[in-house]
Amino acid sequence: MDHNFQIGEVVVCVNAKRRWYRLGGLTKGEMYTVTGFNPVDGGLILKEAKSPRSGCNAYRADRFRKVDYSFAEQVLENIKPKVQEQPQEKVFTSLRQKHSIFSFLN
C-alpha cells in the first residue's frame, strides 16, 4: 500500500477510463468518501461507488487524488464580495440621529 489516503477522507476521481472491464460508476471530477482499503492491493473502497471487478469493491488508488481544500478556500475568498466596515461609533451616531428624528415626528 503506497498511497497516503485515510478512512473518512474525501477524494476526487482523476481517471475514470474503462479498461477491458466494467469500471462501476466512477466519474472523473466527482468526489468520493474513502471507507476502507483492499487488503491485497491497497485499493480504495468508496462509500458512493462499488467496483464490480474487485472482491472488496475497491478501486486502484492511482485513480484518485486528495481534495485540495486550501485551493478551494482561496478561490472562495477571492470571489467573496468585500464588505466595507463602518466605524462602530458612526453607526451608533446615525442610529441616535434616526431615533431623535422619529421621536420628534411622534
N, C-alpha and C. Protein backbone atom coordinates (compact mmCIF):
# COMPACT_ATOMS: atom_id res chain seq x y z
N MET A 1 0.85 -1.17 0.00
CA MET A 1 0.00 0.00 0.00
C MET A 1 0.90 1.23 0.00
N ASP A 2 0.98 1.96 -1.10
CA ASP A 2 1.89 3.09 -1.19
C ASP A 2 1.17 4.43 -1.34
N HIS A 3 -0.08 4.51 -0.97
CA HIS A 3 -0.79 5.78 -1.02
C HIS A 3 -0.90 6.34 0.40
N ASN A 4 -1.34 7.57 0.52
CA ASN A 4 -1.47 8.17 1.85
C ASN A 4 -2.91 8.64 2.11
N PHE A 5 -3.87 7.89 1.62
CA PHE A 5 -5.27 8.19 1.88
C PHE A 5 -5.66 7.65 3.24
N GLN A 6 -6.70 8.25 3.83
CA GLN A 6 -7.18 7.81 5.13
C GLN A 6 -8.68 7.54 5.06
N ILE A 7 -9.15 6.66 5.94
CA ILE A 7 -10.58 6.39 6.02
C ILE A 7 -11.31 7.66 6.44
N GLY A 8 -12.41 7.95 5.75
CA GLY A 8 -13.18 9.16 6.01
C GLY A 8 -12.79 10.34 5.14
N GLU A 9 -11.67 10.23 4.46
CA GLU A 9 -11.17 11.31 3.61
C GLU A 9 -11.98 11.38 2.32
N VAL A 10 -12.17 12.60 1.81
CA VAL A 10 -12.84 12.81 0.54
C VAL A 10 -11.77 12.91 -0.54
N VAL A 11 -11.97 12.15 -1.63
CA VAL A 11 -11.02 12.12 -2.74
C VAL A 11 -11.74 12.49 -4.02
N VAL A 12 -10.97 12.91 -5.03
CA VAL A 12 -11.51 13.27 -6.33
C VAL A 12 -11.02 12.26 -7.36
N CYS A 13 -11.92 11.79 -8.21
CA CYS A 13 -11.54 10.86 -9.27
C CYS A 13 -10.81 11.63 -10.36
N VAL A 14 -9.60 11.16 -10.72
CA VAL A 14 -8.82 11.78 -11.79
C VAL A 14 -8.72 10.88 -13.02
N ASN A 15 -9.18 9.63 -12.88
CA ASN A 15 -9.12 8.70 -14.01
C ASN A 15 -10.32 7.75 -13.93
N ALA A 16 -11.30 7.98 -14.78
CA ALA A 16 -12.49 7.12 -14.81
C ALA A 16 -12.54 6.30 -16.09
N LYS A 17 -11.40 6.23 -16.80
CA LYS A 17 -11.36 5.48 -18.06
C LYS A 17 -11.52 3.99 -17.80
N ARG A 18 -12.35 3.38 -18.62
CA ARG A 18 -12.51 1.93 -18.53
C ARG A 18 -11.37 1.26 -19.27
N ARG A 19 -11.01 0.11 -18.78
CA ARG A 19 -10.02 -0.68 -19.50
C ARG A 19 -10.80 -1.77 -20.21
N TRP A 20 -10.42 -3.00 -20.08
CA TRP A 20 -11.15 -4.09 -20.72
C TRP A 20 -12.32 -4.57 -19.86
N TYR A 21 -12.44 -4.02 -18.66
CA TYR A 21 -13.50 -4.45 -17.75
C TYR A 21 -14.43 -3.28 -17.44
N ARG A 22 -15.58 -3.60 -16.90
CA ARG A 22 -16.54 -2.58 -16.50
C ARG A 22 -16.03 -1.88 -15.24
N LEU A 23 -16.07 -0.57 -15.22
CA LEU A 23 -15.47 0.18 -14.12
C LEU A 23 -16.39 0.32 -12.91
N GLY A 24 -17.66 0.47 -13.09
CA GLY A 24 -18.55 0.51 -11.95
C GLY A 24 -18.94 1.88 -11.45
N GLY A 25 -19.15 2.81 -12.33
CA GLY A 25 -19.78 4.07 -11.94
C GLY A 25 -18.90 5.20 -11.46
N LEU A 26 -17.62 5.18 -11.74
CA LEU A 26 -16.80 6.34 -11.40
C LEU A 26 -16.99 7.43 -12.44
N THR A 27 -16.90 8.68 -11.99
CA THR A 27 -16.99 9.82 -12.89
C THR A 27 -15.81 10.74 -12.59
N LYS A 28 -15.07 11.10 -13.62
CA LYS A 28 -13.92 11.97 -13.45
C LYS A 28 -14.39 13.32 -12.90
N GLY A 29 -13.70 13.80 -11.89
CA GLY A 29 -14.02 15.08 -11.28
C GLY A 29 -14.99 14.98 -10.11
N GLU A 30 -15.62 13.82 -9.93
CA GLU A 30 -16.55 13.63 -8.81
C GLU A 30 -15.78 13.32 -7.53
N MET A 31 -16.39 13.65 -6.40
CA MET A 31 -15.77 13.38 -5.10
C MET A 31 -16.39 12.15 -4.47
N TYR A 32 -15.56 11.38 -3.80
CA TYR A 32 -15.97 10.13 -3.15
C TYR A 32 -15.35 10.07 -1.76
N THR A 33 -16.00 9.32 -0.87
CA THR A 33 -15.53 9.16 0.51
C THR A 33 -14.88 7.79 0.68
N VAL A 34 -13.67 7.77 1.21
CA VAL A 34 -12.94 6.51 1.45
C VAL A 34 -13.52 5.85 2.71
N THR A 35 -13.96 4.59 2.58
CA THR A 35 -14.48 3.86 3.73
C THR A 35 -13.58 2.70 4.14
N GLY A 36 -12.59 2.38 3.31
CA GLY A 36 -11.68 1.29 3.65
C GLY A 36 -10.70 1.03 2.53
N PHE A 37 -9.91 -0.04 2.68
CA PHE A 37 -8.88 -0.39 1.71
C PHE A 37 -8.91 -1.89 1.43
N ASN A 38 -8.61 -2.24 0.19
CA ASN A 38 -8.47 -3.64 -0.19
C ASN A 38 -7.19 -4.15 0.46
N PRO A 39 -7.26 -5.20 1.28
CA PRO A 39 -6.05 -5.67 1.96
C PRO A 39 -5.01 -6.27 1.02
N VAL A 40 -5.42 -6.65 -0.19
CA VAL A 40 -4.49 -7.27 -1.13
C VAL A 40 -3.63 -6.23 -1.84
N ASP A 41 -4.28 -5.20 -2.41
CA ASP A 41 -3.52 -4.23 -3.21
C ASP A 41 -3.64 -2.78 -2.73
N GLY A 42 -4.36 -2.53 -1.63
CA GLY A 42 -4.47 -1.17 -1.11
C GLY A 42 -5.46 -0.32 -1.85
N GLY A 43 -6.27 -0.90 -2.74
CA GLY A 43 -7.28 -0.13 -3.47
C GLY A 43 -8.27 0.52 -2.52
N LEU A 44 -8.90 1.59 -2.99
CA LEU A 44 -9.82 2.35 -2.16
C LEU A 44 -11.22 1.77 -2.23
N ILE A 45 -11.81 1.55 -1.09
CA ILE A 45 -13.22 1.19 -1.00
C ILE A 45 -13.97 2.48 -0.73
N LEU A 46 -14.96 2.77 -1.56
CA LEU A 46 -15.65 4.05 -1.50
C LEU A 46 -17.09 3.90 -1.04
N LYS A 47 -17.60 4.93 -0.43
CA LYS A 47 -18.99 4.94 0.04
C LYS A 47 -19.96 5.05 -1.13
N GLU A 48 -19.63 5.86 -2.12
CA GLU A 48 -20.57 6.22 -3.18
C GLU A 48 -20.52 5.33 -4.41
N ALA A 49 -19.51 4.48 -4.56
CA ALA A 49 -19.38 3.64 -5.76
C ALA A 49 -18.73 2.31 -5.38
N LYS A 50 -19.13 1.26 -6.08
CA LYS A 50 -18.58 -0.07 -5.83
C LYS A 50 -18.03 -0.64 -7.14
N SER A 51 -16.82 -1.15 -7.08
CA SER A 51 -16.20 -1.74 -8.27
C SER A 51 -16.66 -3.19 -8.42
N PRO A 52 -17.32 -3.52 -9.53
CA PRO A 52 -17.79 -4.89 -9.73
C PRO A 52 -16.64 -5.87 -10.00
N ARG A 53 -15.47 -5.36 -10.33
CA ARG A 53 -14.33 -6.21 -10.67
C ARG A 53 -13.60 -6.70 -9.44
N SER A 54 -13.65 -5.94 -8.36
CA SER A 54 -12.88 -6.26 -7.16
C SER A 54 -13.72 -7.04 -6.16
N GLY A 55 -13.12 -8.00 -5.51
CA GLY A 55 -13.80 -8.75 -4.47
C GLY A 55 -14.16 -7.87 -3.28
N CYS A 56 -13.41 -6.81 -3.08
CA CYS A 56 -13.66 -5.87 -1.97
C CYS A 56 -14.38 -4.61 -2.44
N ASN A 57 -14.80 -4.60 -3.72
CA ASN A 57 -15.44 -3.40 -4.31
C ASN A 57 -14.51 -2.19 -4.28
N ALA A 58 -13.21 -2.43 -4.45
CA ALA A 58 -12.22 -1.36 -4.35
C ALA A 58 -11.74 -0.91 -5.73
N TYR A 59 -11.25 0.32 -5.79
CA TYR A 59 -10.67 0.90 -7.00
C TYR A 59 -9.19 1.17 -6.75
N ARG A 60 -8.41 1.15 -7.81
CA ARG A 60 -6.98 1.47 -7.69
C ARG A 60 -6.82 2.88 -7.14
N ALA A 61 -5.92 3.03 -6.22
CA ALA A 61 -5.71 4.32 -5.56
C ALA A 61 -5.21 5.39 -6.52
N ASP A 62 -4.50 4.99 -7.59
CA ASP A 62 -3.97 5.98 -8.52
C ASP A 62 -5.05 6.62 -9.39
N ARG A 63 -6.29 6.20 -9.23
CA ARG A 63 -7.41 6.85 -9.93
C ARG A 63 -7.91 8.08 -9.19
N PHE A 64 -7.34 8.38 -8.02
CA PHE A 64 -7.84 9.44 -7.16
C PHE A 64 -6.73 10.35 -6.68
N ARG A 65 -7.14 11.54 -6.27
CA ARG A 65 -6.23 12.47 -5.59
C ARG A 65 -6.98 13.06 -4.41
N LYS A 66 -6.23 13.59 -3.49
CA LYS A 66 -6.84 14.24 -2.33
C LYS A 66 -7.50 15.55 -2.77
N VAL A 67 -8.52 15.95 -2.05
CA VAL A 67 -9.17 17.24 -2.30
C VAL A 67 -8.26 18.32 -1.75
N ASP A 68 -8.00 19.36 -2.54
CA ASP A 68 -7.14 20.47 -2.14
C ASP A 68 -8.02 21.56 -1.54
N TYR A 69 -8.27 21.46 -0.23
CA TYR A 69 -9.15 22.42 0.43
C TYR A 69 -8.57 23.82 0.46
N SER A 70 -7.27 23.97 0.56
CA SER A 70 -6.68 25.30 0.61
C SER A 70 -6.92 26.04 -0.70
N PHE A 71 -6.86 25.32 -1.83
CA PHE A 71 -7.15 25.94 -3.12
C PHE A 71 -8.60 26.41 -3.17
N ALA A 72 -9.53 25.55 -2.72
CA ALA A 72 -10.95 25.90 -2.73
C ALA A 72 -11.23 27.10 -1.83
N GLU A 73 -10.62 27.12 -0.66
CA GLU A 73 -10.81 28.25 0.25
C GLU A 73 -10.27 29.54 -0.34
N GLN A 74 -9.15 29.45 -1.05
CA GLN A 74 -8.57 30.62 -1.68
C GLN A 74 -9.48 31.16 -2.78
N VAL A 75 -10.05 30.27 -3.59
CA VAL A 75 -10.98 30.69 -4.65
C VAL A 75 -12.19 31.38 -4.03
N LEU A 76 -12.76 30.80 -2.98
CA LEU A 76 -13.92 31.40 -2.33
C LEU A 76 -13.59 32.76 -1.74
N GLU A 77 -12.41 32.88 -1.15
CA GLU A 77 -12.00 34.16 -0.58
C GLU A 77 -11.88 35.23 -1.67
N ASN A 78 -11.38 34.84 -2.84
CA ASN A 78 -11.21 35.80 -3.93
C ASN A 78 -12.53 36.25 -4.55
N ILE A 79 -13.55 35.40 -4.51
CA ILE A 79 -14.82 35.79 -5.12
C ILE A 79 -15.81 36.39 -4.13
N LYS A 80 -15.49 36.31 -2.84
CA LYS A 80 -16.37 36.87 -1.82
C LYS A 80 -16.36 38.39 -1.93
N PRO A 81 -17.55 39.02 -1.93
CA PRO A 81 -17.57 40.48 -2.04
C PRO A 81 -16.93 41.13 -0.81
N LYS A 82 -16.22 42.19 -1.06
CA LYS A 82 -15.55 42.90 0.03
C LYS A 82 -16.59 43.76 0.75
N VAL A 83 -16.71 43.56 2.04
CA VAL A 83 -17.66 44.31 2.84
C VAL A 83 -16.93 45.50 3.44
N GLN A 84 -17.51 46.69 3.22
CA GLN A 84 -16.90 47.88 3.80
C GLN A 84 -17.38 48.02 5.22
N GLU A 85 -16.43 48.12 6.11
CA GLU A 85 -16.78 48.24 7.52
C GLU A 85 -16.89 49.71 7.90
N GLN A 86 -17.97 50.04 8.60
CA GLN A 86 -18.13 51.38 9.12
C GLN A 86 -17.58 51.39 10.54
N PRO A 87 -16.98 52.49 10.91
CA PRO A 87 -16.56 52.58 12.31
C PRO A 87 -17.77 52.45 13.22
N GLN A 88 -17.62 51.74 14.31
CA GLN A 88 -18.73 51.45 15.21
C GLN A 88 -19.38 52.73 15.73
N GLU A 89 -18.59 53.76 16.00
CA GLU A 89 -19.12 54.99 16.55
C GLU A 89 -20.07 55.67 15.58
N LYS A 90 -19.75 55.67 14.27
CA LYS A 90 -20.61 56.30 13.28
C LYS A 90 -21.97 55.61 13.20
N VAL A 91 -21.97 54.30 13.31
CA VAL A 91 -23.22 53.55 13.25
C VAL A 91 -24.11 53.96 14.40
N PHE A 92 -23.55 54.03 15.62
CA PHE A 92 -24.36 54.43 16.77
C PHE A 92 -24.85 55.87 16.63
N THR A 93 -24.02 56.73 16.12
CA THR A 93 -24.41 58.13 15.93
C THR A 93 -25.57 58.23 14.96
N SER A 94 -25.50 57.51 13.84
CA SER A 94 -26.59 57.59 12.88
C SER A 94 -27.86 56.98 13.45
N LEU A 95 -27.77 55.96 14.27
CA LEU A 95 -28.96 55.38 14.89
C LEU A 95 -29.57 56.37 15.88
N ARG A 96 -28.74 57.06 16.64
CA ARG A 96 -29.25 58.08 17.58
C ARG A 96 -29.95 59.19 16.81
N GLN A 97 -29.37 59.61 15.68
CA GLN A 97 -29.98 60.66 14.89
C GLN A 97 -31.33 60.21 14.35
N LYS A 98 -31.42 59.01 13.86
CA LYS A 98 -32.69 58.49 13.36
C LYS A 98 -33.71 58.42 14.47
N HIS A 99 -33.30 57.97 15.64
CA HIS A 99 -34.22 57.84 16.76
C HIS A 99 -34.75 59.22 17.15
N SER A 100 -33.87 60.23 17.20
CA SER A 100 -34.32 61.57 17.58
C SER A 100 -35.25 62.15 16.52
N ILE A 101 -35.04 61.85 15.26
CA ILE A 101 -35.94 62.32 14.20
C ILE A 101 -37.30 61.67 14.35
N PHE A 102 -37.32 60.36 14.59
CA PHE A 102 -38.60 59.66 14.72
C PHE A 102 -39.34 60.10 15.98
N SER A 103 -38.62 60.34 17.06
CA SER A 103 -39.29 60.78 18.31
C SER A 103 -39.85 62.19 18.13
N PHE A 104 -39.21 63.01 17.32
CA PHE A 104 -39.70 64.33 17.05
C PHE A 104 -41.00 64.27 16.26
N LEU A 105 -41.10 63.31 15.32
CA LEU A 105 -42.29 63.18 14.50
C LEU A 105 -43.48 62.62 15.27
N ASN A 106 -43.25 61.91 16.35
CA ASN A 106 -44.36 61.30 17.11
C ASN A 106 -45.02 62.26 17.99
